[in-house]
Amino acid sequence: MHFTYPDIKRAIISKFLVLDQAVSGLELEWYPDCPGPYTLIGQVFVPFIDLLLERPRLDRRDSALFHVFALVEDFLGETDPEIPNMIYVELLESRRATWYERAIPFLGNRALATLDEFDEGWRTRKDKDDDHVELNSPHGIDAVVDELLRART
């Protein structure tokens, strides 16, 4: 699959229609300008993934995460180096050990190879006791995750 920046929004919405309102909220916030792809990934797609990973393990949550990380693999396989770089910077780089522990069952070969190439210590990273990260849920992403999980029952 070949993605250009204008295709990123369309790719996310086509796979996860529940994110349409969140993307619209982001665009309204930026109006009359348009948010860039890093903003779209960082303020909609990444919080969506983070909140899914935080939910209890259920078949419908895991199914959603497999679909999410399949799209991540598509982005990482792009020939335009800006797109894999954006995914690494916004999603994979410098995460807490607990994030990697939750994500690893869903990470594809490209994500694993990217992490191994650019963040050698990611597999052995340990969280500090005071290293707590507050989950960010802009644009109603928390409600979107709840809706998605209900819809898959």
N, C-alpha and C. Protein backbone atom coordinates (compact mmCIF):
# COMPACT_ATOMS: atom_id res chain seq x y z
N MET A 1 0.85 -1.17 0.00
CA MET A 1 0.00 0.00 0.00
C MET A 1 0.90 1.24 0.00
N HIS A 2 0.57 2.23 -0.81
CA HIS A 2 1.38 3.44 -0.89
C HIS A 2 0.60 4.62 -0.29
N PHE A 3 1.19 5.23 0.72
CA PHE A 3 0.55 6.35 1.41
C PHE A 3 1.31 7.63 1.12
N THR A 4 0.56 8.67 0.84
CA THR A 4 1.12 10.01 0.82
C THR A 4 0.49 10.71 2.02
N TYR A 5 0.99 11.85 2.38
CA TYR A 5 0.44 12.53 3.55
C TYR A 5 -1.08 12.71 3.48
N PRO A 6 -1.62 13.15 2.34
CA PRO A 6 -3.09 13.29 2.31
C PRO A 6 -3.82 11.95 2.51
N ASP A 7 -3.14 10.85 2.20
CA ASP A 7 -3.77 9.53 2.35
C ASP A 7 -3.81 9.04 3.80
N ILE A 8 -3.00 9.61 4.66
CA ILE A 8 -2.92 9.11 6.04
C ILE A 8 -4.25 9.24 6.75
N LYS A 9 -4.88 10.39 6.64
CA LYS A 9 -6.19 10.58 7.25
C LYS A 9 -7.19 9.57 6.70
N ARG A 10 -7.21 9.45 5.40
CA ARG A 10 -8.15 8.54 4.75
C ARG A 10 -7.88 7.09 5.18
N ALA A 11 -6.62 6.71 5.30
CA ALA A 11 -6.27 5.35 5.72
C ALA A 11 -6.76 5.06 7.13
N ILE A 12 -6.56 6.01 8.02
CA ILE A 12 -6.99 5.83 9.41
C ILE A 12 -8.51 5.74 9.49
N ILE A 13 -9.20 6.66 8.84
CA ILE A 13 -10.66 6.69 8.90
C ILE A 13 -11.26 5.45 8.23
N SER A 14 -10.68 5.01 7.12
CA SER A 14 -11.24 3.85 6.43
C SER A 14 -11.11 2.58 7.27
N LYS A 15 -10.08 2.48 8.08
CA LYS A 15 -9.91 1.31 8.94
C LYS A 15 -10.66 1.47 10.26
N PHE A 16 -10.78 2.71 10.73
CA PHE A 16 -11.38 2.97 12.04
C PHE A 16 -12.35 4.14 11.92
N LEU A 17 -13.52 3.84 11.39
CA LEU A 17 -14.54 4.86 11.17
C LEU A 17 -14.89 5.59 12.47
N VAL A 18 -14.75 4.91 13.61
CA VAL A 18 -15.07 5.55 14.89
C VAL A 18 -14.18 6.76 15.17
N LEU A 19 -13.06 6.88 14.47
CA LEU A 19 -12.16 8.02 14.67
C LEU A 19 -12.56 9.25 13.86
N ASP A 20 -13.59 9.12 13.04
CA ASP A 20 -14.00 10.23 12.18
C ASP A 20 -14.33 11.48 12.99
N GLN A 21 -15.09 11.34 14.07
CA GLN A 21 -15.46 12.51 14.88
C GLN A 21 -14.24 13.12 15.56
N ALA A 22 -13.32 12.28 16.01
CA ALA A 22 -12.11 12.79 16.65
C ALA A 22 -11.28 13.60 15.65
N VAL A 23 -11.17 13.08 14.43
CA VAL A 23 -10.43 13.80 13.38
C VAL A 23 -11.15 15.10 13.04
N SER A 24 -12.47 15.06 12.97
CA SER A 24 -13.23 16.29 12.72
C SER A 24 -13.01 17.32 13.82
N GLY A 25 -12.96 16.85 15.06
CA GLY A 25 -12.68 17.76 16.18
C GLY A 25 -11.31 18.39 16.09
N LEU A 26 -10.34 17.60 15.68
CA LEU A 26 -8.99 18.12 15.49
C LEU A 26 -8.97 19.17 14.38
N GLU A 27 -9.64 18.86 13.29
CA GLU A 27 -9.68 19.81 12.17
C GLU A 27 -10.41 21.10 12.54
N LEU A 28 -11.46 20.99 13.32
CA LEU A 28 -12.19 22.17 13.77
C LEU A 28 -11.30 23.04 14.66
N GLU A 29 -10.53 22.39 15.51
CA GLU A 29 -9.61 23.10 16.40
C GLU A 29 -8.56 23.87 15.58
N TRP A 30 -8.16 23.34 14.46
CA TRP A 30 -7.12 23.96 13.63
C TRP A 30 -7.69 24.92 12.58
N TYR A 31 -9.00 24.91 12.38
CA TYR A 31 -9.61 25.71 11.33
C TYR A 31 -9.24 27.18 11.47
N PRO A 32 -8.90 27.88 10.42
CA PRO A 32 -9.05 27.56 9.01
C PRO A 32 -7.86 26.79 8.43
N ASP A 33 -6.85 26.52 9.26
CA ASP A 33 -5.72 25.74 8.78
C ASP A 33 -6.07 24.26 8.87
N CYS A 34 -5.18 23.44 8.40
CA CYS A 34 -5.35 21.99 8.46
C CYS A 34 -4.20 21.41 9.28
N PRO A 35 -4.50 20.50 10.21
CA PRO A 35 -3.39 19.92 10.98
C PRO A 35 -2.49 19.09 10.08
N GLY A 36 -1.22 19.07 10.42
CA GLY A 36 -0.28 18.26 9.66
C GLY A 36 -0.38 16.80 10.05
N PRO A 37 0.28 15.94 9.31
CA PRO A 37 0.20 14.50 9.58
C PRO A 37 0.78 14.11 10.94
N TYR A 38 1.84 14.78 11.40
CA TYR A 38 2.37 14.47 12.73
C TYR A 38 1.33 14.77 13.79
N THR A 39 0.60 15.86 13.62
CA THR A 39 -0.45 16.23 14.57
C THR A 39 -1.58 15.21 14.53
N LEU A 40 -1.98 14.80 13.35
CA LEU A 40 -3.04 13.80 13.22
C LEU A 40 -2.63 12.49 13.89
N ILE A 41 -1.43 12.04 13.61
CA ILE A 41 -0.95 10.79 14.23
C ILE A 41 -0.81 10.97 15.74
N GLY A 42 -0.18 12.07 16.16
CA GLY A 42 0.11 12.28 17.58
C GLY A 42 -1.10 12.58 18.43
N GLN A 43 -2.12 13.23 17.87
CA GLN A 43 -3.26 13.64 18.70
C GLN A 43 -4.50 12.77 18.51
N VAL A 44 -4.50 11.90 17.50
CA VAL A 44 -5.65 11.02 17.31
C VAL A 44 -5.23 9.55 17.33
N PHE A 45 -4.32 9.17 16.44
CA PHE A 45 -3.99 7.75 16.29
C PHE A 45 -3.23 7.20 17.50
N VAL A 46 -2.23 7.92 17.98
CA VAL A 46 -1.45 7.44 19.13
C VAL A 46 -2.30 7.35 20.40
N PRO A 47 -3.09 8.37 20.76
CA PRO A 47 -3.94 8.21 21.94
C PRO A 47 -4.94 7.05 21.80
N PHE A 48 -5.43 6.84 20.59
CA PHE A 48 -6.32 5.70 20.31
C PHE A 48 -5.62 4.39 20.65
N ILE A 49 -4.39 4.23 20.19
CA ILE A 49 -3.62 3.01 20.47
C ILE A 49 -3.33 2.90 21.96
N ASP A 50 -2.87 4.00 22.56
CA ASP A 50 -2.53 3.98 23.99
C ASP A 50 -3.71 3.57 24.85
N LEU A 51 -4.86 4.12 24.55
CA LEU A 51 -6.05 3.80 25.34
C LEU A 51 -6.52 2.37 25.11
N LEU A 52 -6.40 1.88 23.89
CA LEU A 52 -6.72 0.47 23.64
C LEU A 52 -5.79 -0.44 24.43
N LEU A 53 -4.51 -0.12 24.44
CA LEU A 53 -3.55 -0.94 25.18
C LEU A 53 -3.82 -0.94 26.68
N GLU A 54 -4.39 0.13 27.19
CA GLU A 54 -4.68 0.24 28.62
C GLU A 54 -5.93 -0.54 29.03
N ARG A 55 -6.79 -0.86 28.08
CA ARG A 55 -8.04 -1.55 28.40
C ARG A 55 -7.75 -3.00 28.78
N PRO A 56 -8.65 -3.61 29.54
CA PRO A 56 -8.46 -5.02 29.90
C PRO A 56 -8.41 -5.90 28.66
N ARG A 57 -7.63 -6.96 28.75
CA ARG A 57 -7.49 -7.88 27.61
C ARG A 57 -8.80 -8.60 27.37
N LEU A 58 -9.38 -8.33 26.23
CA LEU A 58 -10.59 -8.99 25.77
C LEU A 58 -10.39 -9.30 24.29
N ASP A 59 -11.10 -10.28 23.78
CA ASP A 59 -10.95 -10.64 22.36
C ASP A 59 -11.21 -9.45 21.46
N ARG A 60 -12.23 -8.64 21.75
CA ARG A 60 -12.55 -7.52 20.87
C ARG A 60 -11.50 -6.42 20.95
N ARG A 61 -10.90 -6.22 22.11
CA ARG A 61 -9.81 -5.25 22.23
C ARG A 61 -8.60 -5.74 21.45
N ASP A 62 -8.27 -7.02 21.63
CA ASP A 62 -7.11 -7.58 20.94
C ASP A 62 -7.30 -7.56 19.43
N SER A 63 -8.51 -7.84 18.98
CA SER A 63 -8.80 -7.79 17.55
C SER A 63 -8.58 -6.38 17.01
N ALA A 64 -9.07 -5.38 17.74
CA ALA A 64 -8.88 -3.99 17.33
C ALA A 64 -7.39 -3.65 17.28
N LEU A 65 -6.63 -4.11 18.26
CA LEU A 65 -5.20 -3.82 18.28
C LEU A 65 -4.46 -4.51 17.13
N PHE A 66 -4.85 -5.72 16.78
CA PHE A 66 -4.23 -6.37 15.62
C PHE A 66 -4.48 -5.54 14.35
N HIS A 67 -5.69 -5.00 14.21
CA HIS A 67 -5.99 -4.15 13.05
C HIS A 67 -5.20 -2.84 13.09
N VAL A 68 -5.08 -2.25 14.27
CA VAL A 68 -4.32 -1.01 14.43
C VAL A 68 -2.86 -1.22 14.03
N PHE A 69 -2.28 -2.27 14.57
CA PHE A 69 -0.86 -2.49 14.30
C PHE A 69 -0.60 -3.02 12.90
N ALA A 70 -1.62 -3.58 12.23
CA ALA A 70 -1.48 -3.90 10.80
C ALA A 70 -1.34 -2.62 10.00
N LEU A 71 -2.10 -1.59 10.37
CA LEU A 71 -1.97 -0.29 9.70
C LEU A 71 -0.61 0.33 10.02
N VAL A 72 -0.15 0.19 11.25
CA VAL A 72 1.19 0.66 11.62
C VAL A 72 2.23 0.00 10.72
N GLU A 73 2.09 -1.30 10.50
CA GLU A 73 3.02 -2.01 9.61
C GLU A 73 2.98 -1.45 8.19
N ASP A 74 1.77 -1.15 7.71
CA ASP A 74 1.65 -0.54 6.37
C ASP A 74 2.39 0.80 6.33
N PHE A 75 2.18 1.63 7.35
CA PHE A 75 2.86 2.92 7.40
C PHE A 75 4.39 2.73 7.45
N LEU A 76 4.85 1.78 8.26
CA LEU A 76 6.29 1.55 8.38
C LEU A 76 6.90 0.98 7.10
N GLY A 77 6.09 0.37 6.25
CA GLY A 77 6.58 -0.19 5.00
C GLY A 77 6.59 0.79 3.84
N GLU A 78 6.21 2.02 4.12
CA GLU A 78 6.16 3.04 3.07
C GLU A 78 7.54 3.37 2.52
N THR A 79 7.59 3.64 1.23
CA THR A 79 8.86 4.00 0.61
C THR A 79 9.24 5.45 0.86
N ASP A 80 8.28 6.30 1.13
CA ASP A 80 8.57 7.68 1.51
C ASP A 80 9.09 7.63 2.95
N PRO A 81 10.37 7.92 3.19
CA PRO A 81 10.94 7.76 4.52
C PRO A 81 10.30 8.64 5.60
N GLU A 82 9.63 9.70 5.18
CA GLU A 82 8.98 10.57 6.17
C GLU A 82 7.87 9.85 6.93
N ILE A 83 7.19 8.93 6.28
CA ILE A 83 6.05 8.26 6.93
C ILE A 83 6.53 7.27 7.99
N PRO A 84 7.46 6.34 7.68
CA PRO A 84 7.95 5.48 8.75
C PRO A 84 8.61 6.28 9.88
N ASN A 85 9.32 7.35 9.52
CA ASN A 85 9.94 8.19 10.55
C ASN A 85 8.88 8.80 11.46
N MET A 86 7.79 9.29 10.88
CA MET A 86 6.71 9.88 11.66
C MET A 86 6.12 8.83 12.63
N ILE A 87 5.91 7.62 12.15
CA ILE A 87 5.34 6.56 13.00
C ILE A 87 6.31 6.22 14.12
N TYR A 88 7.59 6.14 13.80
CA TYR A 88 8.58 5.86 14.85
C TYR A 88 8.58 6.96 15.90
N VAL A 89 8.70 8.19 15.46
CA VAL A 89 8.80 9.32 16.38
C VAL A 89 7.52 9.48 17.22
N GLU A 90 6.37 9.42 16.58
CA GLU A 90 5.11 9.67 17.28
C GLU A 90 4.62 8.47 18.10
N LEU A 91 4.88 7.26 17.64
CA LEU A 91 4.30 6.09 18.29
C LEU A 91 5.29 5.22 19.03
N LEU A 92 6.42 4.90 18.45
CA LEU A 92 7.29 3.87 18.99
C LEU A 92 8.44 4.37 19.86
N GLU A 93 8.89 5.56 19.61
CA GLU A 93 10.11 6.05 20.26
C GLU A 93 9.91 6.33 21.75
N SER A 94 10.87 5.91 22.55
CA SER A 94 10.98 6.28 23.97
C SER A 94 9.74 5.98 24.80
N ARG A 95 9.16 4.84 24.59
CA ARG A 95 8.00 4.44 25.39
C ARG A 95 8.44 3.79 26.68
N ARG A 96 7.52 3.76 27.62
CA ARG A 96 7.77 3.08 28.89
C ARG A 96 7.80 1.58 28.65
N ALA A 97 8.49 0.87 29.52
CA ALA A 97 8.59 -0.60 29.42
C ALA A 97 7.21 -1.24 29.46
N THR A 98 6.32 -0.71 30.28
CA THR A 98 4.98 -1.30 30.35
C THR A 98 4.22 -1.13 29.04
N TRP A 99 4.46 -0.04 28.30
CA TRP A 99 3.82 0.12 27.00
C TRP A 99 4.30 -0.97 26.04
N TYR A 100 5.63 -1.17 26.01
CA TYR A 100 6.17 -2.22 25.14
C TYR A 100 5.64 -3.60 25.53
N GLU A 101 5.53 -3.86 26.82
CA GLU A 101 5.01 -5.16 27.28
C GLU A 101 3.59 -5.38 26.77
N ARG A 102 2.77 -4.35 26.82
CA ARG A 102 1.39 -4.47 26.34
C ARG A 102 1.32 -4.55 24.82
N ALA A 103 2.22 -3.86 24.14
CA ALA A 103 2.16 -3.77 22.68
C ALA A 103 2.82 -4.94 21.96
N ILE A 104 3.79 -5.58 22.58
CA ILE A 104 4.59 -6.57 21.86
C ILE A 104 3.79 -7.70 21.21
N PRO A 105 2.69 -8.16 21.80
CA PRO A 105 1.94 -9.21 21.10
C PRO A 105 1.35 -8.74 19.76
N PHE A 106 1.26 -7.44 19.58
CA PHE A 106 0.61 -6.88 18.40
C PHE A 106 1.60 -6.27 17.41
N LEU A 107 2.83 -6.05 17.85
CA LEU A 107 3.84 -5.43 16.99
C LEU A 107 4.22 -6.38 15.86
N GLY A 108 4.26 -5.86 14.66
CA GLY A 108 4.67 -6.65 13.50
C GLY A 108 6.17 -6.61 13.29
N ASN A 109 6.61 -7.32 12.28
CA ASN A 109 8.04 -7.43 12.00
C ASN A 109 8.70 -6.08 11.72
N ARG A 110 8.00 -5.21 11.00
CA ARG A 110 8.59 -3.90 10.70
C ARG A 110 8.75 -3.06 11.96
N ALA A 111 7.75 -3.09 12.83
CA ALA A 111 7.84 -2.33 14.08
C ALA A 111 8.97 -2.86 14.94
N LEU A 112 9.07 -4.18 15.05
CA LEU A 112 10.15 -4.78 15.84
C LEU A 112 11.52 -4.43 15.26
N ALA A 113 11.65 -4.52 13.94
CA ALA A 113 12.92 -4.20 13.30
C ALA A 113 13.27 -2.72 13.47
N THR A 114 12.28 -1.86 13.38
CA THR A 114 12.51 -0.42 13.56
C THR A 114 12.99 -0.14 14.98
N LEU A 115 12.32 -0.74 15.95
CA LEU A 115 12.74 -0.54 17.34
C LEU A 115 14.15 -1.09 17.56
N ASP A 116 14.44 -2.27 17.04
CA ASP A 116 15.78 -2.85 17.21
C ASP A 116 16.85 -1.98 16.57
N GLU A 117 16.52 -1.34 15.44
CA GLU A 117 17.49 -0.50 14.75
C GLU A 117 17.74 0.82 15.47
N PHE A 118 16.68 1.46 15.96
CA PHE A 118 16.81 2.81 16.48
C PHE A 118 16.75 2.93 18.00
N ASP A 119 16.39 1.87 18.69
CA ASP A 119 16.27 1.94 20.15
C ASP A 119 16.71 0.60 20.74
N GLU A 120 18.02 0.38 20.72
CA GLU A 120 18.57 -0.92 21.10
C GLU A 120 18.13 -1.41 22.47
N GLY A 121 17.88 -0.53 23.40
CA GLY A 121 17.55 -0.93 24.76
C GLY A 121 16.07 -1.15 25.03
N TRP A 122 15.23 -1.06 24.02
CA TRP A 122 13.80 -1.11 24.26
C TRP A 122 13.34 -2.42 24.87
N ARG A 123 13.98 -3.53 24.52
CA ARG A 123 13.55 -4.85 25.02
C ARG A 123 13.89 -5.06 26.49
N THR A 124 14.87 -4.35 27.00
CA THR A 124 15.30 -4.54 28.39
C THR A 124 15.00 -3.33 29.27
N ARG A 125 14.32 -2.35 28.73
CA ARG A 125 14.01 -1.13 29.47
C ARG A 125 13.18 -1.46 30.70
N LYS A 126 13.48 -0.78 31.77
CA LYS A 126 12.71 -0.90 33.02
C LYS A 126 12.13 0.46 33.35
N ASP A 127 10.89 0.46 33.82
CA ASP A 127 10.27 1.71 34.25
C ASP A 127 10.79 2.09 35.62
N LYS A 128 10.93 3.39 35.83
CA LYS A 128 11.25 3.89 37.17
C LYS A 128 9.95 3.96 37.95
N ASP A 129 10.04 3.82 39.25
CA ASP A 129 8.84 3.86 40.09
C ASP A 129 8.06 5.15 39.90
N ASP A 130 8.76 6.25 39.72
CA ASP A 130 8.09 7.54 39.59
C ASP A 130 7.84 7.92 38.13
N ASP A 131 8.04 6.98 37.23
CA ASP A 131 7.93 7.24 35.80
C ASP A 131 6.50 6.97 35.32
N HIS A 132 5.56 7.74 35.85
CA HIS A 132 4.16 7.57 35.49
C HIS A 132 3.80 8.52 34.36
N VAL A 133 3.08 8.01 33.40
CA VAL A 133 2.65 8.82 32.27
C VAL A 133 1.13 8.92 32.31
N GLU A 134 0.64 10.14 32.28
CA GLU A 134 -0.80 10.37 32.23
C GLU A 134 -1.28 10.14 30.81
N LEU A 135 -2.29 9.32 30.65
CA LEU A 135 -2.83 9.08 29.32
C LEU A 135 -3.57 10.31 28.83
N ASN A 136 -3.32 10.64 27.59
CA ASN A 136 -3.93 11.80 26.97
C ASN A 136 -5.11 11.32 26.12
N SER A 137 -6.26 11.95 26.32
CA SER A 137 -7.44 11.58 25.54
C SER A 137 -8.07 12.81 24.90
N PRO A 138 -7.34 13.42 23.94
CA PRO A 138 -7.91 14.59 23.28
C PRO A 138 -9.02 14.18 22.32
N HIS A 139 -9.88 15.09 22.03
CA HIS A 139 -10.90 14.92 20.99
C HIS A 139 -11.82 13.73 21.24
N GLY A 140 -12.04 13.38 22.52
CA GLY A 140 -12.99 12.32 22.85
C GLY A 140 -12.52 10.92 22.51
N ILE A 141 -11.22 10.70 22.45
CA ILE A 141 -10.69 9.39 22.07
C ILE A 141 -11.12 8.31 23.07
N ASP A 142 -11.20 8.66 24.34
CA ASP A 142 -11.62 7.69 25.35
C ASP A 142 -13.01 7.14 25.02
N ALA A 143 -13.94 8.02 24.68
CA ALA A 143 -15.29 7.59 24.29
C ALA A 143 -15.27 6.79 22.99
N VAL A 144 -14.37 7.15 22.08
CA VAL A 144 -14.24 6.43 20.81
C VAL A 144 -13.81 4.98 21.07
N VAL A 145 -12.86 4.80 21.96
CA VAL A 145 -12.40 3.44 22.29
C VAL A 145 -13.54 2.65 22.91
N ASP A 146 -14.28 3.27 23.82
CA ASP A 146 -15.43 2.59 24.42
C ASP A 146 -16.44 2.18 23.35
N GLU A 147 -16.72 3.09 22.41
CA GLU A 147 -17.66 2.80 21.33
C GLU A 147 -17.18 1.64 20.46
N LEU A 148 -15.90 1.65 20.12
CA LEU A 148 -15.34 0.60 19.29
C LEU A 148 -15.46 -0.76 19.98
N LEU A 149 -15.14 -0.79 21.25
CA LEU A 149 -15.19 -2.06 21.97
C LEU A 149 -16.62 -2.56 22.15
N ARG A 150 -17.56 -1.65 22.31
CA ARG A 150 -18.97 -2.05 22.38
C ARG A 150 -19.45 -2.57 21.03
N ALA A 151 -19.01 -1.93 19.96
CA ALA A 151 -19.47 -2.29 18.61
C ALA A 151 -18.97 -3.66 18.20
N ARG A 152 -17.92 -4.11 18.78
CA ARG A 152 -17.34 -5.40 18.41
C ARG A 152 -17.88 -6.56 19.24
N THR A 153 -18.87 -6.30 20.07
CA THR A 153 -19.43 -7.39 20.87
C THR A 153 -20.42 -8.19 20.07
